[in-house]
Protein backbone atom coordinates (compact mmCIF):
# COMPACT_ATOMS: atom_id res chain seq x y z
CA MET A 1 74.50 41.11 105.48
CA ILE A 2 77.42 43.53 105.03
CA LEU A 3 75.23 46.12 103.28
CA GLU A 4 72.61 45.83 106.02
CA ASN A 5 75.27 46.39 108.70
CA ILE A 6 76.57 49.43 106.83
CA ARG A 7 73.04 50.83 106.60
CA LEU A 8 72.48 50.28 110.35
CA ALA A 9 75.84 51.93 111.14
CA LEU A 10 74.96 54.99 109.06
CA LEU A 11 71.53 55.25 110.70
CA THR A 12 73.13 55.05 114.15
CA MET A 13 75.62 57.79 113.22
CA LYS A 14 72.81 59.94 111.83
CA ALA A 15 70.89 59.58 115.09
CA ASN A 16 73.96 60.67 117.08
CA LYS A 17 75.67 63.17 114.75
CA THR A 18 77.59 65.13 117.37
CA ARG A 19 78.88 62.04 119.15
CA ALA A 20 79.87 60.43 115.84
CA PHE A 21 81.80 63.55 114.78
CA LEU A 22 83.60 63.85 118.13
CA THR A 23 84.49 60.17 117.87
CA MET A 24 85.95 60.76 114.41
CA LEU A 25 87.87 63.85 115.50
CA GLY A 26 90.91 61.98 116.82
CA ILE A 27 91.11 59.94 113.61
CA ILE A 28 90.70 63.06 111.47
CA ILE A 29 93.48 64.91 113.29
CA GLY A 30 95.81 61.91 113.23
CA ILE A 31 95.34 61.14 109.52
CA MET A 32 95.47 64.85 108.66
CA SER A 33 98.81 65.24 110.48
CA ILE A 34 100.38 62.24 108.77
CA ILE A 35 99.12 63.13 105.28
CA THR A 36 100.25 66.76 105.66
CA ILE A 37 103.74 65.67 106.66
CA VAL A 38 103.94 63.10 103.85
CA VAL A 39 102.74 65.62 101.23
CA ILE A 40 105.18 68.30 102.42
CA GLY A 41 108.02 65.77 102.62
CA ASP A 42 107.34 64.45 99.11
CA ALA A 43 107.08 68.00 97.76
CA LEU A 44 110.41 68.99 99.32
CA THR A 45 112.05 65.78 98.08
CA ASP A 46 110.82 66.42 94.52
CA SER A 47 111.93 70.04 94.78
CA VAL A 48 115.42 69.10 95.98
CA SER A 49 115.67 66.39 93.32
CA GLY A 50 114.60 68.87 90.64
CA ASN A 51 117.17 71.41 91.80
CA PHE A 52 119.91 68.78 91.74
CA ASP A 53 118.86 67.73 88.24
CA ALA A 54 119.06 71.38 87.19
CA LEU A 55 122.60 71.52 88.56
CA GLY A 56 123.47 68.41 86.58
CA LYS A 57 122.74 64.93 87.88
CA ASN A 58 125.56 63.48 85.76
CA ASN A 59 128.11 66.04 86.92
CA ILE A 60 131.21 64.77 88.71
CA THR A 61 133.40 67.34 90.46
CA ILE A 62 137.15 66.77 90.64
CA SER A 63 138.96 69.13 93.00
CA VAL A 64 142.39 69.44 94.51
CA ARG A 65 142.38 69.54 98.30
CA GLU A 66 144.88 69.41 101.10
CA ARG A 67 145.59 65.97 102.53
CA GLY A 68 144.04 65.35 105.92
CA THR A 69 141.07 67.66 105.30
CA SER A 70 137.46 66.74 104.69
CA GLY A 71 135.90 66.87 101.25
CA SER A 72 134.10 70.11 102.09
CA ALA A 73 137.43 71.70 102.96
CA MET A 74 138.31 71.80 99.28
CA MET A 75 136.24 74.98 99.10
CA ALA A 76 138.99 76.64 101.11
CA ASN A 77 141.21 76.45 98.03
CA PHE A 78 138.86 78.51 95.88
CA PRO A 79 139.35 82.26 95.42
CA GLY A 80 137.31 84.25 97.89
CA ARG A 81 136.82 81.25 100.21
CA ARG A 82 140.36 80.73 101.45
CA SER A 83 140.69 80.55 105.22
CA GLN A 84 143.64 82.12 107.04
CA ASN A 85 145.22 78.75 107.79
CA ALA A 86 144.62 77.14 104.39
CA LYS A 87 147.58 76.36 102.18
CA THR A 88 147.72 77.43 98.57
CA PRO A 89 148.54 74.70 96.04
CA GLU A 90 151.49 75.26 93.74
CA THR A 91 151.23 74.96 89.97
CA ASP A 92 152.45 71.36 90.02
CA ASP A 93 149.75 70.47 92.56
CA LEU A 94 146.88 71.48 90.28
CA LEU A 95 145.06 69.68 87.48
CA THR A 96 146.81 70.17 84.17
CA ASP A 97 145.61 70.18 80.57
CA GLN A 98 147.63 67.02 80.01
CA MET A 99 145.86 65.21 82.88
CA ILE A 100 142.50 66.24 81.43
CA ALA A 101 143.51 65.10 77.95
CA ASP A 102 144.72 61.75 79.33
CA MET A 103 141.45 61.34 81.19
CA ARG A 104 139.41 62.01 78.04
CA GLY A 105 141.43 59.41 76.19
CA ALA A 106 141.10 56.81 78.94
CA PHE A 107 137.36 57.22 79.51
CA GLY A 108 136.23 57.74 75.93
CA GLU A 109 132.42 57.86 75.56
CA ASP A 110 131.90 57.49 79.33
CA VAL A 111 132.73 61.20 79.55
CA ALA A 112 130.38 63.48 77.61
CA GLY A 113 132.35 66.63 78.38
CA VAL A 114 134.65 68.46 80.76
CA SER A 115 133.60 71.84 82.13
CA MET A 116 136.38 74.26 83.10
CA SER A 117 136.04 77.79 84.39
CA TYR A 118 138.03 80.66 85.85
CA SER A 119 136.66 83.46 88.00
CA GLY A 120 137.65 86.86 86.64
CA GLY A 121 136.12 88.80 89.52
CA GLU A 122 133.30 91.32 89.62
CA ALA A 123 133.03 94.30 87.32
CA GLN A 124 130.47 96.71 85.92
CA ALA A 125 129.30 97.29 82.37
CA ARG A 126 128.46 100.94 81.75
CA ASP A 127 127.06 103.07 78.95
CA GLY A 128 126.27 106.57 80.12
CA ALA A 129 123.67 106.30 82.91
CA ARG A 130 123.03 102.62 82.17
CA TYR A 131 124.92 99.98 84.08
CA ALA A 132 124.87 96.28 84.92
CA ASN A 133 126.83 94.50 87.65
CA VAL A 134 128.57 91.38 86.37
CA ALA A 135 130.74 88.52 87.60
CA VAL A 136 133.19 87.82 84.81
CA SER A 137 133.72 84.11 84.30
CA GLY A 138 135.99 82.48 81.77
CA VAL A 139 134.44 79.20 80.57
CA ASN A 140 134.87 76.55 77.92
CA ALA A 141 132.23 75.12 75.56
CA ASP A 142 131.22 72.26 77.89
CA TYR A 143 130.33 74.67 80.70
CA GLN A 144 126.86 75.20 79.23
CA GLY A 145 125.94 71.51 79.40
CA ALA A 146 127.34 71.06 82.89
CA ASN A 147 125.29 73.96 84.24
CA ASN A 148 122.12 73.59 82.14
CA ILE A 149 122.32 77.12 80.77
CA THR A 150 119.34 77.99 78.57
CA MET A 151 120.12 80.25 75.65
CA LEU A 152 117.53 82.83 74.58
CA ALA A 153 119.42 84.24 71.64
CA GLY A 154 122.72 83.78 69.85
CA SER A 155 125.14 81.06 70.91
CA PHE A 156 127.24 80.07 73.89
CA ILE A 157 131.03 80.11 74.00
CA ALA A 158 132.27 77.71 71.31
CA GLN A 159 135.61 76.12 70.52
CA ARG A 160 136.31 78.72 67.82
CA ASP A 161 136.00 81.46 70.47
CA LEU A 162 138.48 79.61 72.68
CA ASP A 163 140.92 79.17 69.80
CA SER A 164 140.75 82.83 68.76
CA LYS A 165 140.89 84.15 72.35
CA GLY A 166 138.39 86.74 71.22
CA ASN A 167 136.73 89.42 73.32
CA VAL A 168 133.24 87.96 73.02
CA ALA A 169 130.67 87.50 75.79
CA VAL A 170 127.45 85.72 76.67
CA VAL A 171 125.23 87.87 78.90
CA SER A 172 122.05 87.36 80.93
CA ASP A 173 118.56 88.55 80.07
CA LYS A 174 118.74 90.87 83.10
CA PHE A 175 121.96 92.37 81.74
CA VAL A 176 120.18 93.01 78.43
CA LYS A 177 117.23 94.60 80.22
CA ASN A 178 119.55 96.99 82.06
CA MET A 179 121.87 97.84 79.18
CA PHE A 180 119.39 97.74 76.27
CA PRO A 181 116.07 98.95 77.73
CA GLY A 182 114.79 99.97 74.31
CA GLY A 183 114.52 96.37 73.19
CA GLY A 184 116.00 94.81 70.11
CA SER A 185 118.59 92.09 69.82
CA PRO A 186 121.83 92.57 71.79
CA ILE A 187 123.69 90.13 69.53
CA GLY A 188 126.63 91.84 67.85
CA LYS A 189 126.51 94.89 70.14
CA GLU A 190 129.63 96.02 72.00
CA VAL A 191 129.73 96.75 75.72
CA LYS A 192 132.39 98.33 77.90
CA VAL A 193 133.27 96.46 81.08
CA TYR A 194 134.96 98.53 83.79
CA ARG A 195 137.34 96.63 86.04
CA SER A 196 139.34 98.03 88.91
CA ASP A 197 142.46 98.49 86.74
CA ARG A 198 141.26 98.59 83.14
CA ILE A 199 138.40 98.91 80.69
CA GLU A 200 137.60 96.03 78.33
CA ILE A 201 135.33 95.96 75.29
CA TYR A 202 133.36 92.80 74.46
CA THR A 203 131.05 91.85 71.61
CA ILE A 204 127.88 90.07 72.73
CA ILE A 205 127.39 86.73 70.95
CA GLY A 206 124.65 85.23 73.14
CA GLU A 207 121.95 85.89 75.72
CA TYR A 208 121.03 83.31 78.37
CA GLU A 209 118.12 82.96 80.78
CA SER A 210 119.23 83.92 84.28
CA SER A 211 118.16 81.98 87.35
CA ASP A 212 116.63 83.51 90.47
CA ALA A 213 117.99 80.69 92.65
CA PHE A 214 120.97 82.76 93.83
CA ALA A 215 119.64 86.26 93.29
CA GLY A 216 120.10 87.21 96.94
CA THR A 217 118.50 90.38 98.33
CA ALA A 218 119.69 92.80 95.64
CA SER A 219 117.10 94.47 93.43
CA GLU A 220 116.94 93.28 89.83
CA ARG A 221 118.51 96.59 88.76
CA ASP A 222 121.61 96.00 90.92
CA GLU A 223 121.73 92.23 90.75
CA THR A 224 125.05 90.70 89.70
CA THR A 225 124.78 88.15 86.89
CA ALA A 226 127.40 85.99 85.21
CA PHE A 227 129.26 87.47 82.25
CA TYR A 228 130.70 84.53 80.33
CA ILE A 229 133.83 84.98 78.19
CA PRO A 230 136.16 82.39 76.62
CA LEU A 231 138.37 80.64 79.16
CA THR A 232 141.44 81.35 77.04
CA THR A 233 140.60 85.07 77.00
CA ALA A 234 140.15 85.17 80.76
CA LYS A 235 143.44 83.36 81.45
CA GLN A 236 145.65 84.86 78.75
CA ASP A 237 147.14 87.41 81.17
CA VAL A 238 147.19 84.97 84.11
CA LEU A 239 150.39 83.07 84.89
CA GLU A 240 148.51 80.12 86.44
CA LYS A 241 147.10 77.99 83.64
CA ASN A 242 146.20 74.89 85.65
CA PHE A 243 142.94 74.21 87.52
CA ALA A 244 141.97 73.68 91.15
CA SER A 245 138.67 72.14 90.08
CA ILE A 246 136.94 70.80 86.99
CA THR A 247 133.54 69.22 86.33
CA VAL A 248 133.30 66.02 84.33
CA ILE A 249 129.96 65.33 82.62
CA GLY A 250 129.20 61.62 82.71
CA ALA A 251 127.52 59.93 79.76
CA GLU A 252 123.72 60.21 79.89
CA ASP A 253 123.24 56.43 80.02
CA GLY A 254 126.30 55.75 82.18
CA ASP A 255 126.54 54.74 85.84
CA VAL A 256 127.58 58.01 87.50
CA GLN A 257 128.72 56.33 90.70
CA GLU A 258 130.84 53.79 88.81
CA ILE A 259 132.42 56.53 86.69
CA THR A 260 133.09 58.55 89.85
CA GLU A 261 134.98 55.68 91.43
CA ARG A 262 137.02 55.11 88.26
CA LEU A 263 137.89 58.81 88.05
CA GLU A 264 138.97 58.78 91.68
CA ARG A 265 141.37 55.91 91.00
CA PHE A 266 142.60 57.52 87.77
CA PHE A 267 143.54 60.88 89.29
CA ALA A 268 144.85 59.33 92.52
CA ASN A 269 147.73 57.90 90.49
CA TYR A 270 148.95 61.43 89.69
CA TYR A 271 149.09 62.32 93.38
CA LEU A 272 150.73 59.21 94.84
CA GLY A 273 153.98 61.08 95.46
CA ASN A 274 152.34 64.32 96.58
CA LYS A 275 152.54 64.57 100.36
CA ASP A 276 150.44 67.72 100.68
CA TRP A 277 147.66 67.50 98.11
CA GLN A 278 145.22 64.97 96.72
CA VAL A 279 142.10 64.90 94.56
CA ASN A 280 138.54 64.78 95.80
CA VAL A 281 136.02 63.26 93.38
CA SER A 282 132.30 63.58 94.14
CA ASN A 283 128.95 63.61 92.38
CA LEU A 284 125.56 65.11 93.09
CA SER A 285 123.85 61.71 93.30
CA SER A 286 125.50 60.85 96.62
CA ILE A 287 124.62 64.26 98.02
CA LEU A 288 121.03 63.88 96.81
CA ASP A 289 120.80 60.45 98.47
CA THR A 290 121.99 61.96 101.75
CA VAL A 291 119.52 64.87 101.59
CA THR A 292 116.65 62.53 100.65
CA SER A 293 117.56 60.22 103.54
CA ILE A 294 117.54 63.13 106.00
CA LEU A 295 114.15 64.32 104.73
CA GLY A 296 112.85 60.75 105.06
CA VAL A 297 113.94 60.55 108.70
CA ILE A 298 112.28 63.90 109.45
CA GLN A 299 109.10 62.70 107.73
CA LEU A 300 109.10 59.52 109.79
CA ALA A 301 109.61 61.41 113.04
CA PHE A 302 106.64 63.71 112.41
CA ALA A 303 104.53 60.82 111.14
CA LEU A 304 105.14 59.00 114.42
CA ILE A 305 103.92 62.07 116.28
CA GLY A 306 100.80 62.01 114.11
CA GLY A 307 100.50 58.31 114.92
CA ILE A 308 100.05 59.22 118.58
CA SER A 309 96.95 61.20 117.59
CA LEU A 310 95.69 58.14 115.74
CA LEU A 311 96.24 56.00 118.83
CA VAL A 312 94.27 58.47 120.94
CA GLY A 313 91.58 58.54 118.26
CA GLY A 314 91.40 54.73 118.22
CA ILE A 315 90.99 54.65 121.99
CA GLY A 316 88.21 57.22 121.64
CA VAL A 317 86.45 55.00 119.09
CA MET A 318 86.71 52.00 121.40
CA ASN A 319 85.39 54.04 124.33
CA ILE A 320 82.37 55.31 122.40
CA MET A 321 81.63 51.83 121.04
CA VAL A 322 81.64 50.42 124.58
CA VAL A 323 79.13 53.12 125.56
CA SER A 324 77.08 52.28 122.47
CA VAL A 325 77.02 48.58 123.40
CA THR A 326 75.79 49.49 126.89
CA GLU A 327 73.08 51.80 125.52
CA ARG A 328 71.86 49.16 123.05
CA THR A 329 71.89 46.19 125.39
CA ARG A 330 68.14 45.55 125.01
CA GLU A 331 68.43 45.84 121.20
CA ILE A 332 71.22 43.24 121.26
CA GLY A 333 69.13 40.98 123.51
CA THR A 334 66.15 41.27 121.14
CA ARG A 335 68.27 40.38 118.08
CA LYS A 336 69.82 37.38 119.84
CA ALA A 337 66.37 36.22 121.01
CA LEU A 338 65.22 36.34 117.39
CA GLY A 339 68.10 34.07 116.38
CA ALA A 340 71.02 36.40 115.62
CA LEU A 341 74.33 34.60 116.01
CA ASN A 342 77.29 35.94 118.03
CA GLY A 343 79.27 36.45 114.84
CA GLN A 344 76.49 38.56 113.34
CA ILE A 345 76.34 40.79 116.43
CA GLN A 346 80.12 41.09 116.42
CA LEU A 347 80.16 42.00 112.71
CA GLN A 348 77.52 44.68 113.25
CA PHE A 349 79.59 46.58 115.81
CA VAL A 350 82.92 46.07 114.00
CA THR A 351 81.29 47.44 110.83
CA GLU A 352 80.07 50.47 112.75
CA ALA A 353 83.58 51.13 114.10
CA VAL A 354 85.10 50.73 110.62
CA ILE A 355 82.56 53.11 109.07
CA ILE A 356 83.35 55.77 111.70
CA THR A 357 87.11 55.49 111.28
CA ALA A 358 86.94 55.23 107.47
CA ILE A 359 84.88 58.42 107.20
CA GLY A 360 87.31 60.06 109.62
CA GLY A 361 90.16 58.85 107.43
CA VAL A 362 88.61 60.32 104.29
CA LEU A 363 88.01 63.69 105.97
CA GLY A 364 91.52 63.66 107.47
CA THR A 365 93.04 62.83 104.09
CA LEU A 366 91.21 65.68 102.37
CA LEU A 367 92.29 68.14 105.05
CA GLY A 368 95.85 66.79 105.01
CA VAL A 369 96.19 67.11 101.23
CA SER A 370 94.75 70.64 101.38
CA LEU A 371 97.13 71.75 104.14
CA GLY A 372 100.03 70.04 102.38
CA ALA A 373 99.18 71.84 99.13
CA ILE A 374 99.09 75.20 100.92
CA ALA A 375 102.43 74.50 102.65
CA ALA A 376 104.02 73.34 99.38
CA LYS A 377 102.88 76.53 97.66
CA VAL A 378 104.30 78.68 100.47
CA LEU A 379 107.61 76.77 100.30
CA GLY A 380 107.66 77.05 96.52
CA ALA A 381 107.84 73.28 96.13
CA PRO A 382 105.85 71.23 93.57
CA LEU A 383 102.79 69.43 94.96
CA SER A 384 103.23 65.68 94.95
CA VAL A 385 100.43 63.40 96.16
CA SER A 386 100.69 59.66 95.66
CA PRO A 387 97.41 57.75 95.16
CA LEU A 388 98.92 54.96 97.26
CA THR A 389 99.32 57.42 100.14
CA ILE A 390 95.63 58.34 99.97
CA LEU A 391 94.43 54.74 99.69
CA GLY A 392 96.84 53.67 102.41
CA SER A 393 95.65 56.34 104.84
CA VAL A 394 91.97 55.46 104.36
CA GLY A 395 92.75 51.75 104.60
CA PHE A 396 94.84 52.28 107.72
CA SER A 397 92.08 54.28 109.41
CA ALA A 398 89.61 51.49 108.60
CA ALA A 399 92.08 48.98 110.11
CA ILE A 400 92.08 51.08 113.28
CA GLY A 401 88.32 50.66 113.37
CA VAL A 402 88.73 46.88 113.21
CA GLY A 403 91.46 46.85 115.85
CA PHE A 404 89.75 49.10 118.35
CA GLY A 405 86.24 47.92 117.54
CA LEU A 406 86.86 44.26 118.30
CA TYR A 407 86.72 44.59 122.09
CA PRO A 408 83.30 46.29 122.26
CA ALA A 409 82.05 44.00 119.45
CA ASN A 410 83.12 40.90 121.40
CA LYS A 411 81.52 42.33 124.52
CA ALA A 412 78.24 42.77 122.61
CA ALA A 413 78.44 39.28 121.10
CA LYS A 414 78.94 37.63 124.50
CA LEU A 415 75.90 39.23 126.15
CA ASP A 416 73.36 36.76 127.51
CA PRO A 417 70.07 37.43 125.67
CA ILE A 418 67.93 36.95 128.82
CA GLU A 419 70.06 39.31 130.90
CA ALA A 420 70.16 41.75 128.01
CA LEU A 421 66.36 41.83 127.74
CA ARG A 422 66.11 42.55 131.48
CA TYR A 423 68.51 45.53 131.15
CA GLU A 424 66.86 48.87 131.95
């Protein structure tokens, strides 16, 4: 019975191709809109999640900030970001080596590392006509793990480099391209770095893969890349030895949120008597949850707009089915006169409505995935299509056929066979 009804529905659609397509159009547009939004939303969510993972999903930032300011205001205490009204913390207000050592002892294996850095400002490496713009950054050994730095050659800053306070450096692949265009390994080569007040000579011990995420608008030739040197070397001529901010790397299998809360309580004890400054402890997971939630709300809003198209499409299906019932009144009367039951007549027209909306759903899904893939490529986000989304969209469109096909189907089922046979 079901197969026969499907065959009849397909024959009816074939006999009225244009009308069937126009009936599907609302469903196609509605499903296409929703699928496109879902695909783009999922792609952006995966992209954001991937970027956060690259930044370090287990990273926990501990920063000193002024009391009474928001967490984001802690950026005002960093060099180059200080506002006119922001206070500057004194040495005793900052994070000390002793605090960090106490924290390592208290947390044990829950802390995989502690990343510390110091900005040495911008400079330029030069050798005759060759040059490379650099941002000198003093770092410790754990900085690599906290920032997912990929080494291409040599090694990153190690504890022995920190202990010796040597003039060694880890440079980017773009630095190597600018300063050593002839090829060959840069490891062991010396470079002169020109600062505003002095010239320094460093021996290259490693080359890392640079990221284009923060390349800005500068050409690759003039792009500024990080020039990593030992933290002890960078701070040996600096009076301030304490830190405004550090990054704690949580254990891989640990609960980052739980460790964050424990760290917040731990460092808060050091600042109980400090009336001006306090610590701010945060992790990327909470930020990622917020961003994902915002993207989800935006997805839902656009999906609801697409739902309006589906509603209009469903009404169009119901309208055409009512017209179809009217046109086929004599056919219905003949079937009922030959013994067809009301339920069989009803099933025939519901099946026809479901077939129309299901085909519309399939076409809309294909178009939606295609548009979503194009948009994801333009946005530079990875394509992410869930099979459940596809099955759900086709199933939902078929459900629309049932919902909006019931009224005309009931109308057909209730026709009096004698009156139907008399219909001209």
